[in-house]
């Protein structure tokens, strides 16, 4: 499914979703498949791979799979099982690059 608008899922969906905007999985929503979007809000359940600029897992939300995003927010009681890859993250500084001030 290719979309250029927001999508709200509050039922069962199996397949691939590409949205240029936001995908919101309601409390009764269950997606089995891959999702590519700007912003994903999970209040239900998703199994698969997520590519998004921002992923928010709400208190009743559950993600099982891989999340590749620039931002990942997991509220208390939200569940994430799988792998997370941070996009566009700055590299961890090496000890040589850290300048420690001496007192």
PDB file of N, CA and C in Angstrom:
ATOM      1  N   UNK A   1       0.847  -1.161   0.000  1.00  0.00           N
ATOM      2  CA  UNK A   1       0.000   0.000   0.000  1.00  0.00           C
ATOM      3  C   UNK A   1       0.900   1.234   0.000  1.00  0.00           C
ATOM      4  N   UNK A   2       0.775   2.082  -1.011  1.00  0.00           N
ATOM      5  CA  UNK A   2       1.534   3.324  -1.115  1.00  0.00           C
ATOM      6  C   UNK A   2       0.599   4.501  -0.880  1.00  0.00           C
ATOM      7  N   UNK A   3       0.956   5.346   0.105  1.00  0.00           N
ATOM      8  CA  UNK A   3       0.091   6.465   0.492  1.00  0.00           C
ATOM      9  C   UNK A   3       0.863   7.769   0.531  1.00  0.00           C
ATOM     10  N   UNK A   4       0.171   8.858   0.269  1.00  0.00           N
ATOM     11  CA  UNK A   4       0.752  10.184   0.464  1.00  0.00           C
ATOM     12  C   UNK A   4      -0.056  10.936   1.518  1.00  0.00           C
ATOM     13  N   UNK A   5      -0.744  10.174   2.373  1.00  0.00           N
ATOM     14  CA  UNK A   5      -1.562  10.767   3.432  1.00  0.00           C
ATOM     15  C   UNK A   5      -1.366   9.962   4.719  1.00  0.00           C
ATOM     16  N   UNK A   6      -2.004  10.425   5.799  1.00  0.00           N
ATOM     17  CA  UNK A   6      -1.942   9.715   7.075  1.00  0.00           C
ATOM     18  C   UNK A   6      -2.766   8.435   6.994  1.00  0.00           C
ATOM     19  N   UNK A   7      -2.392   7.446   7.824  1.00  0.00           N
ATOM     20  CA  UNK A   7      -3.119   6.178   7.875  1.00  0.00           C
ATOM     21  C   UNK A   7      -3.351   5.809   9.330  1.00  0.00           C
ATOM     22  N   UNK A   8      -4.576   5.415   9.657  1.00  0.00           N
ATOM     23  CA  UNK A   8      -4.921   4.941  10.991  1.00  0.00           C
ATOM     24  C   UNK A   8      -5.421   3.510  10.850  1.00  0.00           C
ATOM     25  N   UNK A   9      -4.756   2.573  11.536  1.00  0.00           N
ATOM     26  CA  UNK A   9      -5.128   1.161  11.460  1.00  0.00           C
ATOM     27  C   UNK A   9      -5.651   0.739  12.831  1.00  0.00           C
ATOM     28  N   UNK A  10      -6.899   0.287  12.875  1.00  0.00           N
ATOM     29  CA  UNK A  10      -7.465  -0.179  14.135  1.00  0.00           C
ATOM     30  C   UNK A  10      -8.071  -1.563  13.943  1.00  0.00           C
ATOM     31  N   UNK A  11      -7.451  -2.324  13.061  1.00  0.00           N
ATOM     32  CA  UNK A  11      -7.878  -3.692  12.763  1.00  0.00           C
ATOM     33  C   UNK A  11      -6.664  -4.476  12.304  1.00  0.00           C
ATOM     34  N   UNK A  12      -6.879  -5.539  11.567  1.00  0.00           N
ATOM     35  CA  UNK A  12      -5.800  -6.408  11.085  1.00  0.00           C
ATOM     36  C   UNK A  12      -5.331  -5.951   9.703  1.00  0.00           C
ATOM     37  N   UNK A  13      -4.016  -5.930   9.515  1.00  0.00           N
ATOM     38  CA  UNK A  13      -3.439  -5.637   8.196  1.00  0.00           C
ATOM     39  C   UNK A  13      -2.182  -6.466   8.028  1.00  0.00           C
ATOM     40  N   UNK A  14      -2.062  -7.113   6.877  1.00  0.00           N
ATOM     41  CA  UNK A  14      -0.846  -7.860   6.572  1.00  0.00           C
ATOM     42  C   UNK A  14      -0.343  -7.399   5.219  1.00  0.00           C
ATOM     43  N   UNK A  15       0.921  -6.956   5.187  1.00  0.00           N
ATOM     44  CA  UNK A  15       1.491  -6.479   3.939  1.00  0.00           C
ATOM     45  C   UNK A  15       2.503  -5.384   4.182  1.00  0.00           C
ATOM     46  N   UNK A  16       2.767  -4.604   3.144  1.00  0.00           N
ATOM     47  CA  UNK A  16       3.767  -3.540   3.181  1.00  0.00           C
ATOM     48  C   UNK A  16       3.065  -2.197   3.075  1.00  0.00           C
ATOM     49  N   UNK A  17       3.458  -1.249   3.934  1.00  0.00           N
ATOM     50  CA  UNK A  17       2.884   0.103   3.929  1.00  0.00           C
ATOM     51  C   UNK A  17       4.008   1.101   3.690  1.00  0.00           C
ATOM     52  N   UNK A  18       3.813   1.977   2.705  1.00  0.00           N
ATOM     53  CA  UNK A  18       4.708   3.108   2.447  1.00  0.00           C
ATOM     54  C   UNK A  18       3.854   4.363   2.527  1.00  0.00           C
ATOM     55  N   UNK A  19       4.161   5.240   3.485  1.00  0.00           N
ATOM     56  CA  UNK A  19       3.401   6.478   3.637  1.00  0.00           C
ATOM     57  C   UNK A  19       4.361   7.653   3.749  1.00  0.00           C
ATOM     58  N   UNK A  20       4.047   8.747   3.058  1.00  0.00           N
ATOM     59  CA  UNK A  20       4.865   9.955   3.131  1.00  0.00           C
ATOM     60  C   UNK A  20       4.559  10.768   4.383  1.00  0.00           C
ATOM     61  N   UNK A  21       3.548  10.362   5.132  1.00  0.00           N
ATOM     62  CA  UNK A  21       3.127  11.135   6.311  1.00  0.00           C
ATOM     63  C   UNK A  21       3.229  10.280   7.561  1.00  0.00           C
ATOM     64  N   UNK A  22       2.113  10.062   8.259  1.00  0.00           N
ATOM     65  CA  UNK A  22       2.087   9.361   9.543  1.00  0.00           C
ATOM     66  C   UNK A  22       1.247   8.100   9.476  1.00  0.00           C
ATOM     67  N   UNK A  23       1.732   7.053  10.156  1.00  0.00           N
ATOM     68  CA  UNK A  23       0.963   5.824  10.315  1.00  0.00           C
ATOM     69  C   UNK A  23       0.720   5.660  11.812  1.00  0.00           C
ATOM     70  N   UNK A  24      -0.549   5.497  12.170  1.00  0.00           N
ATOM     71  CA  UNK A  24      -0.947   5.351  13.569  1.00  0.00           C
ATOM     72  C   UNK A  24      -1.637   4.004  13.722  1.00  0.00           C
ATOM     73  N   UNK A  25      -1.130   3.174  14.620  1.00  0.00           N
ATOM     74  CA  UNK A  25      -1.741   1.877  14.885  1.00  0.00           C
ATOM     75  C   UNK A  25      -2.546   2.009  16.170  1.00  0.00           C
ATOM     76  N   UNK A  26      -3.861   1.908  16.054  1.00  0.00           N
ATOM     77  CA  UNK A  26      -4.747   2.060  17.197  1.00  0.00           C
ATOM     78  C   UNK A  26      -4.632   0.897  18.171  1.00  0.00           C
ATOM     79  N   UNK A  27      -5.329   1.021  19.301  1.00  0.00           N
ATOM     80  CA  UNK A  27      -5.255   0.004  20.359  1.00  0.00           C
ATOM     81  C   UNK A  27      -5.694  -1.375  19.895  1.00  0.00           C
ATOM     82  N   UNK A  28      -6.589  -1.442  18.921  1.00  0.00           N
ATOM     83  CA  UNK A  28      -7.047  -2.722  18.377  1.00  0.00           C
ATOM     84  C   UNK A  28      -6.339  -3.083  17.085  1.00  0.00           C
ATOM     85  N   UNK A  29      -5.332  -2.298  16.700  1.00  0.00           N
ATOM     86  CA  UNK A  29      -4.631  -2.513  15.444  1.00  0.00           C
ATOM     87  C   UNK A  29      -3.526  -3.543  15.550  1.00  0.00           C
ATOM     88  N   UNK A  30      -3.365  -4.315  14.470  1.00  0.00           N
ATOM     89  CA  UNK A  30      -2.306  -5.319  14.387  1.00  0.00           C
ATOM     90  C   UNK A  30      -1.807  -5.327  12.945  1.00  0.00           C
ATOM     91  N   UNK A  31      -0.543  -4.967  12.774  1.00  0.00           N
ATOM     92  CA  UNK A  31       0.076  -4.975  11.455  1.00  0.00           C
ATOM     93  C   UNK A  31       1.149  -6.051  11.443  1.00  0.00           C
ATOM     94  N   UNK A  32       1.113  -6.874  10.405  1.00  0.00           N
ATOM     95  CA  UNK A  32       2.150  -7.878  10.190  1.00  0.00           C
ATOM     96  C   UNK A  32       2.772  -7.569   8.844  1.00  0.00           C
ATOM     97  N   UNK A  33       3.983  -6.992   8.877  1.00  0.00           N
ATOM     98  CA  UNK A  33       4.639  -6.616   7.639  1.00  0.00           C
ATOM     99  C   UNK A  33       5.582  -5.453   7.866  1.00  0.00           C
ATOM    100  N   UNK A  34       6.027  -4.847   6.782  1.00  0.00           N
ATOM    101  CA  UNK A  34       6.983  -3.750   6.841  1.00  0.00           C
ATOM    102  C   UNK A  34       6.276  -2.410   6.677  1.00  0.00           C
ATOM    103  N   UNK A  35       6.752  -1.412   7.439  1.00  0.00           N
ATOM    104  CA  UNK A  35       6.177  -0.070   7.381  1.00  0.00           C
ATOM    105  C   UNK A  35       7.294   0.932   7.159  1.00  0.00           C
ATOM    106  N   UNK A  36       7.120   1.780   6.156  1.00  0.00           N
ATOM    107  CA  UNK A  36       8.034   2.887   5.889  1.00  0.00           C
ATOM    108  C   UNK A  36       7.212   4.161   5.930  1.00  0.00           C
ATOM    109  N   UNK A  37       7.586   5.091   6.816  1.00  0.00           N
ATOM    110  CA  UNK A  37       6.807   6.310   6.998  1.00  0.00           C
ATOM    111  C   UNK A  37       7.658   7.388   7.655  1.00  0.00           C
ATOM    112  N   UNK A  38       7.148   8.606   7.692  1.00  0.00           N
ATOM    113  CA  UNK A  38       7.826   9.691   8.385  1.00  0.00           C
ATOM    114  C   UNK A  38       7.712   9.518   9.899  1.00  0.00           C
ATOM    115  N   UNK A  39       6.496   9.172  10.363  1.00  0.00           N
ATOM    116  CA  UNK A  39       6.239   9.035  11.794  1.00  0.00           C
ATOM    117  C   UNK A  39       5.317   7.848  12.016  1.00  0.00           C
ATOM    118  N   UNK A  40       5.686   6.996  12.969  1.00  0.00           N
ATOM    119  CA  UNK A  40       4.868   5.836  13.330  1.00  0.00           C
ATOM    120  C   UNK A  40       4.509   5.942  14.803  1.00  0.00           C
ATOM    121  N   UNK A  41       3.214   5.853  15.100  1.00  0.00           N
ATOM    122  CA  UNK A  41       2.723   5.851  16.476  1.00  0.00           C
ATOM    123  C   UNK A  41       2.062   4.500  16.711  1.00  0.00           C
ATOM    124  N   UNK A  42       2.546   3.769  17.722  1.00  0.00           N
ATOM    125  CA  UNK A  42       2.064   2.414  17.978  1.00  0.00           C
ATOM    126  C   UNK A  42       1.323   2.368  19.310  1.00  0.00           C
ATOM    127  N   UNK A  43       0.017   2.128  19.224  1.00  0.00           N
ATOM    128  CA  UNK A  43      -0.793   1.903  20.418  1.00  0.00           C
ATOM    129  C   UNK A  43      -1.265   0.452  20.455  1.00  0.00           C
ATOM    130  N   UNK A  44      -1.132  -0.236  19.321  1.00  0.00           N
ATOM    131  CA  UNK A  44      -1.515  -1.633  19.183  1.00  0.00           C
ATOM    132  C   UNK A  44      -0.278  -2.504  19.054  1.00  0.00           C
ATOM    133  N   UNK A  45      -0.228  -3.312  17.994  1.00  0.00           N
ATOM    134  CA  UNK A  45       0.840  -4.298  17.835  1.00  0.00           C
ATOM    135  C   UNK A  45       1.328  -4.318  16.393  1.00  0.00           C
ATOM    136  N   UNK A  46       2.639  -4.367  16.224  1.00  0.00           N
ATOM    137  CA  UNK A  46       3.215  -4.491  14.894  1.00  0.00           C
ATOM    138  C   UNK A  46       4.337  -5.514  14.928  1.00  0.00           C
ATOM    139  N   UNK A  47       4.330  -6.407  13.924  1.00  0.00           N
ATOM    140  CA  UNK A  47       5.383  -7.402  13.735  1.00  0.00           C
ATOM    141  C   UNK A  47       6.009  -7.118  12.379  1.00  0.00           C
ATOM    142  N   UNK A  48       7.314  -6.848  12.358  1.00  0.00           N
ATOM    143  CA  UNK A  48       7.962  -6.606  11.083  1.00  0.00           C
ATOM    144  C   UNK A  48       9.084  -5.606  11.195  1.00  0.00           C
ATOM    145  N   UNK A  49       9.404  -5.005  10.062  1.00  0.00           N
ATOM    146  CA  UNK A  49      10.484  -4.027   9.994  1.00  0.00           C
ATOM    147  C   UNK A  49       9.909  -2.641   9.786  1.00  0.00           C
ATOM    148  N   UNK A  50      10.405  -1.687  10.565  1.00  0.00           N
ATOM    149  CA  UNK A  50       9.930  -0.306  10.508  1.00  0.00           C
ATOM    150  C   UNK A  50      11.076   0.591  10.078  1.00  0.00           C
ATOM    151  N   UNK A  51      10.825   1.438   9.082  1.00  0.00           N
ATOM    152  CA  UNK A  51      11.751   2.490   8.654  1.00  0.00           C
ATOM    153  C   UNK A  51      10.988   3.795   8.824  1.00  0.00           C
ATOM    154  N   UNK A  52      11.432   4.645   9.755  1.00  0.00           N
ATOM    155  CA  UNK A  52      10.703   5.887  10.013  1.00  0.00           C
ATOM    156  C   UNK A  52      11.641   6.949  10.557  1.00  0.00           C
ATOM    157  N   UNK A  53      11.226   8.201  10.382  1.00  0.00           N
ATOM    158  CA  UNK A  53      11.978   9.293  10.970  1.00  0.00           C
ATOM    159  C   UNK A  53      11.819   9.303  12.478  1.00  0.00           C
ATOM    160  N   UNK A  54      10.595   8.994  12.933  1.00  0.00           N
ATOM    161  CA  UNK A  54      10.292   8.974  14.376  1.00  0.00           C
ATOM    162  C   UNK A  54       9.329   7.831  14.659  1.00  0.00           C
ATOM    163  N   UNK A  55       9.631   7.061  15.699  1.00  0.00           N
ATOM    164  CA  UNK A  55       8.761   5.970  16.144  1.00  0.00           C
ATOM    165  C   UNK A  55       8.395   6.218  17.595  1.00  0.00           C
ATOM    166  N   UNK A  56       7.090   6.181  17.888  1.00  0.00           N
ATOM    167  CA  UNK A  56       6.606   6.335  19.252  1.00  0.00           C
ATOM    168  C   UNK A  56       5.824   5.086  19.631  1.00  0.00           C
ATOM    169  N   UNK A  57       6.290   4.393  20.666  1.00  0.00           N
ATOM    170  CA  UNK A  57       5.567   3.241  21.189  1.00  0.00           C
ATOM    171  C   UNK A  57       4.862   3.703  22.457  1.00  0.00           C
ATOM    172  N   UNK A  58       3.549   3.755  22.412  1.00  0.00           N
ATOM    173  CA  UNK A  58       2.753   4.240  23.539  1.00  0.00           C
ATOM    174  C   UNK A  58       2.625   3.163  24.614  1.00  0.00           C
ATOM    175  N   UNK A  59       1.972   3.501  25.725  1.00  0.00           N
ATOM    176  CA  UNK A  59       1.898   2.624  26.891  1.00  0.00           C
ATOM    177  C   UNK A  59       1.339   1.239  26.574  1.00  0.00           C
ATOM    178  N   UNK A  60       0.365   1.134  25.710  1.00  0.00           N
ATOM    179  CA  UNK A  60      -0.229  -0.165  25.375  1.00  0.00           C
ATOM    180  C   UNK A  60       0.370  -0.739  24.091  1.00  0.00           C
ATOM    181  N   UNK A  61       1.341  -0.050  23.506  1.00  0.00           N
ATOM    182  CA  UNK A  61       1.899  -0.466  22.226  1.00  0.00           C
ATOM    183  C   UNK A  61       2.966  -1.529  22.348  1.00  0.00           C
ATOM    184  N   UNK A  62       3.097  -2.305  21.267  1.00  0.00           N
ATOM    185  CA  UNK A  62       4.097  -3.376  21.242  1.00  0.00           C
ATOM    186  C   UNK A  62       4.660  -3.502  19.831  1.00  0.00           C
ATOM    187  N   UNK A  63       5.991  -3.547  19.736  1.00  0.00           N
ATOM    188  CA  UNK A  63       6.677  -3.742  18.459  1.00  0.00           C
ATOM    189  C   UNK A  63       7.575  -4.959  18.590  1.00  0.00           C
ATOM    190  N   UNK A  64       7.468  -5.860  17.615  1.00  0.00           N
ATOM    191  CA  UNK A  64       8.316  -7.043  17.569  1.00  0.00           C
ATOM    192  C   UNK A  64       8.984  -7.061  16.201  1.00  0.00           C
ATOM    193  N   UNK A  65      10.287  -6.760  16.159  1.00  0.00           N
ATOM    194  CA  UNK A  65      10.982  -6.723  14.882  1.00  0.00           C
ATOM    195  C   UNK A  65      12.145  -5.767  14.910  1.00  0.00           C
ATOM    196  N   UNK A  66      12.388  -5.129  13.788  1.00  0.00           N
ATOM    197  CA  UNK A  66      13.506  -4.194  13.645  1.00  0.00           C
ATOM    198  C   UNK A  66      12.981  -2.788  13.413  1.00  0.00           C
ATOM    199  N   UNK A  67      13.531  -1.836  14.153  1.00  0.00           N
ATOM    200  CA  UNK A  67      13.187  -0.429  13.967  1.00  0.00           C
ATOM    201  C   UNK A  67      14.426   0.305  13.497  1.00  0.00           C
ATOM    202  N   UNK A  68      14.306   0.976  12.357  1.00  0.00           N
ATOM    203  CA  UNK A  68      15.369   1.838  11.858  1.00  0.00           C
ATOM    204  C   UNK A  68      14.796   3.238  11.820  1.00  0.00           C
ATOM    205  N   UNK A  69      15.273   4.107  12.730  1.00  0.00           N
ATOM    206  CA  UNK A  69      14.676   5.441  12.837  1.00  0.00           C
ATOM    207  C   UNK A  69      15.693   6.454  13.339  1.00  0.00           C
ATOM    208  N   UNK A  70      15.342   7.710  13.166  1.00  0.00           N
ATOM    209  CA  UNK A  70      16.149   8.793  13.698  1.00  0.00           C
ATOM    210  C   UNK A  70      15.842   9.041  15.157  1.00  0.00           C
ATOM    211  N   UNK A  71      14.595   8.778  15.557  1.00  0.00           N
ATOM    212  CA  UNK A  71      14.163   8.953  16.941  1.00  0.00           C
ATOM    213  C   UNK A  71      13.298   7.767  17.346  1.00  0.00           C
ATOM    214  N   UNK A  72      13.518   7.266  18.556  1.00  0.00           N
ATOM    215  CA  UNK A  72      12.710   6.181  19.093  1.00  0.00           C
ATOM    216  C   UNK A  72      12.277   6.561  20.498  1.00  0.00           C
ATOM    217  N   UNK A  73      10.954   6.620  20.716  1.00  0.00           N
ATOM    218  CA  UNK A  73      10.390   6.977  22.017  1.00  0.00           C
ATOM    219  C   UNK A  73       9.539   5.806  22.488  1.00  0.00           C
ATOM    220  N   UNK A  74       9.849   5.305  23.682  1.00  0.00           N
ATOM    221  CA  UNK A  74       9.067   4.216  24.263  1.00  0.00           C
ATOM    222  C   UNK A  74       8.522   4.697  25.603  1.00  0.00           C
ATOM    223  N   UNK A  75       7.199   4.810  25.696  1.00  0.00           N
ATOM    224  CA  UNK A  75       6.579   5.227  26.947  1.00  0.00           C
ATOM    225  C   UNK A  75       6.611   4.079  27.951  1.00  0.00           C
ATOM    226  N   UNK A  76       6.408   4.401  29.229  1.00  0.00           N
ATOM    227  CA  UNK A  76       6.324   3.378  30.264  1.00  0.00           C
ATOM    228  C   UNK A  76       5.227   2.387  29.890  1.00  0.00           C
ATOM    229  N   UNK A  77       5.489   1.116  30.054  1.00  0.00           N
ATOM    230  CA  UNK A  77       4.590   0.002  29.728  1.00  0.00           C
ATOM    231  C   UNK A  77       4.549  -0.312  28.237  1.00  0.00           C
ATOM    232  N   UNK A  78       5.237   0.455  27.401  1.00  0.00           N
ATOM    233  CA  UNK A  78       5.369   0.118  25.991  1.00  0.00           C
ATOM    234  C   UNK A  78       6.393  -1.003  25.861  1.00  0.00           C
ATOM    235  N   UNK A  79       6.214  -1.885  24.880  1.00  0.00           N
ATOM    236  CA  UNK A  79       7.090  -3.047  24.736  1.00  0.00           C
ATOM    237  C   UNK A  79       7.750  -3.048  23.361  1.00  0.00           C
ATOM    238  N   UNK A  80       9.067  -3.252  23.361  1.00  0.00           N
ATOM    239  CA  UNK A  80       9.826  -3.373  22.126  1.00  0.00           C
ATOM    240  C   UNK A  80      10.724  -4.584  22.242  1.00  0.00           C
ATOM    241  N   UNK A  81      10.552  -5.541  21.324  1.00  0.00           N
ATOM    242  CA  UNK A  81      11.391  -6.729  21.256  1.00  0.00           C
ATOM    243  C   UNK A  81      12.000  -6.781  19.868  1.00  0.00           C
ATOM    244  N   UNK A  82      13.327  -6.740  19.797  1.00  0.00           N
ATOM    245  CA  UNK A  82      13.963  -6.806  18.490  1.00  0.00           C
ATOM    246  C   UNK A  82      15.230  -5.994  18.432  1.00  0.00           C
ATOM    247  N   UNK A  83      15.487  -5.413  17.263  1.00  0.00           N
ATOM    248  CA  UNK A  83      16.702  -4.645  17.018  1.00  0.00           C
ATOM    249  C   UNK A  83      16.351  -3.213  16.666  1.00  0.00           C
ATOM    250  N   UNK A  84      17.200  -2.295  17.115  1.00  0.00           N
ATOM    251  CA  UNK A  84      17.015  -0.887  16.796  1.00  0.00           C
ATOM    252  C   UNK A  84      18.277  -0.359  16.125  1.00  0.00           C
ATOM    253  N   UNK A  85      18.092   0.334  15.011  1.00  0.00           N
ATOM    254  CA  UNK A  85      19.193   0.967  14.292  1.00  0.00           C
ATOM    255  C   UNK A  85      18.886   2.456  14.235  1.00  0.00           C
ATOM    256  N   UNK A  86      19.821   3.278  14.713  1.00  0.00           N
ATOM    257  CA  UNK A  86      19.627   4.724  14.709  1.00  0.00           C
ATOM    258  C   UNK A  86      20.167   5.300  13.414  1.00  0.00           C
ATOM    259  N   UNK A  87      19.309   5.976  12.665  1.00  0.00           N
ATOM    260  CA  UNK A  87      19.722   6.619  11.416  1.00  0.00           C
ATOM    261  C   UNK A  87      20.283   7.998  11.719  1.00  0.00           C
ATOM    262  N   UNK A  88      21.238   8.411  10.933  1.00  0.00           N
ATOM    263  CA  UNK A  88      21.797   9.761  11.002  1.00  0.00           C
ATOM    264  C   UNK A  88      22.340  10.121  12.378  1.00  0.00           C
ATOM    265  N   UNK A  89      22.846   9.150  13.107  1.00  0.00           N
ATOM    266  CA  UNK A  89      23.423   9.427  14.419  1.00  0.00           C
ATOM    267  C   UNK A  89      24.862   9.881  14.257  1.00  0.00           C
ATOM    268  N   UNK A  90      25.272  10.814  15.095  1.00  0.00           N
ATOM    269  CA  UNK A  90      26.667  11.223  15.040  1.00  0.00           C
ATOM    270  C   UNK A  90      27.507  10.133  15.694  1.00  0.00           C
ATOM    271  N   UNK A  91      28.702   9.923  15.208  1.00  0.00           N
ATOM    272  CA  UNK A  91      29.535   8.846  15.745  1.00  0.00           C
ATOM    273  C   UNK A  91      29.923   9.117  17.202  1.00  0.00           C
ATOM    274  N   UNK A  92      30.168   8.048  17.926  1.00  0.00           N
ATOM    275  CA  UNK A  92      30.610   8.167  19.313  1.00  0.00           C
ATOM    276  C   UNK A  92      32.028   8.716  19.307  1.00  0.00           C
ATOM    277  N   UNK A  93      32.292   9.743  20.123  1.00  0.00           N
ATOM    278  CA  UNK A  93      33.642  10.315  20.113  1.00  0.00           C
ATOM    279  C   UNK A  93      34.671   9.334  20.666  1.00  0.00           C
ATOM    280  N   UNK A  94      35.827   9.324  20.031  1.00  0.00           N
ATOM    281  CA  UNK A  94      36.920   8.473  20.504  1.00  0.00           C
ATOM    282  C   UNK A  94      37.646   9.213  21.624  1.00  0.00           C
ATOM    283  N   UNK A  95      38.394   8.501  22.454  1.00  0.00           N
ATOM    284  CA  UNK A  95      39.120   9.168  23.542  1.00  0.00           C
ATOM    285  C   UNK A  95      40.048  10.268  23.049  1.00  0.00           C
ATOM    286  N   UNK A  96      40.617  10.110  21.846  1.00  0.00           N
ATOM    287  CA  UNK A  96      41.502  11.120  21.310  1.00  0.00           C
ATOM    288  C   UNK A  96      40.766  12.436  21.010  1.00  0.00           C
ATOM    289  N   UNK A  97      39.487  12.318  20.661  1.00  0.00           N
ATOM    290  CA  UNK A  97      38.725  13.506  20.320  1.00  0.00           C
ATOM    291  C   UNK A  97      38.150  14.211  21.547  1.00  0.00           C
ATOM    292  N   UNK A  98      38.034  13.488  22.654  1.00  0.00           N
ATOM    293  CA  UNK A  98      37.536  14.093  23.871  1.00  0.00           C
ATOM    294  C   UNK A  98      38.655  14.902  24.517  1.00  0.00           C
ATOM    295  N   UNK A  99      38.353  16.120  24.854  1.00  0.00           N
ATOM    296  CA  UNK A  99      39.350  16.952  25.515  1.00  0.00           C
ATOM    297  C   UNK A  99      38.968  17.060  26.985  1.00  0.00           C
ATOM    298  N   UNK A 100      39.794  16.499  27.824  1.00  0.00           N
ATOM    299  CA  UNK A 100      39.528  16.506  29.257  1.00  0.00           C
ATOM    300  C   UNK A 100      40.273  17.688  29.870  1.00  0.00           C
ATOM    301  N   UNK A 101      39.494  18.525  30.550  1.00  0.00           N
ATOM    302  CA  UNK A 101      40.113  19.690  31.206  1.00  0.00           C
ATOM    303  C   UNK A 101      40.742  19.252  32.505  1.00  0.00           C
ATOM    304  N   UNK A 102      41.953  19.694  32.720  1.00  0.00           N
ATOM    305  CA  UNK A 102      42.639  19.385  33.965  1.00  0.00           C
ATOM    306  C   UNK A 102      42.507  20.562  34.907  1.00  0.00           C
ATOM    307  N   UNK A 103      42.164  20.254  36.135  1.00  0.00           N
ATOM    308  CA  UNK A 103      41.957  21.301  37.133  1.00  0.00           C
ATOM    309  C   UNK A 103      43.261  21.822  37.686  1.00  0.00           C
TER     310      UNK A 103
END
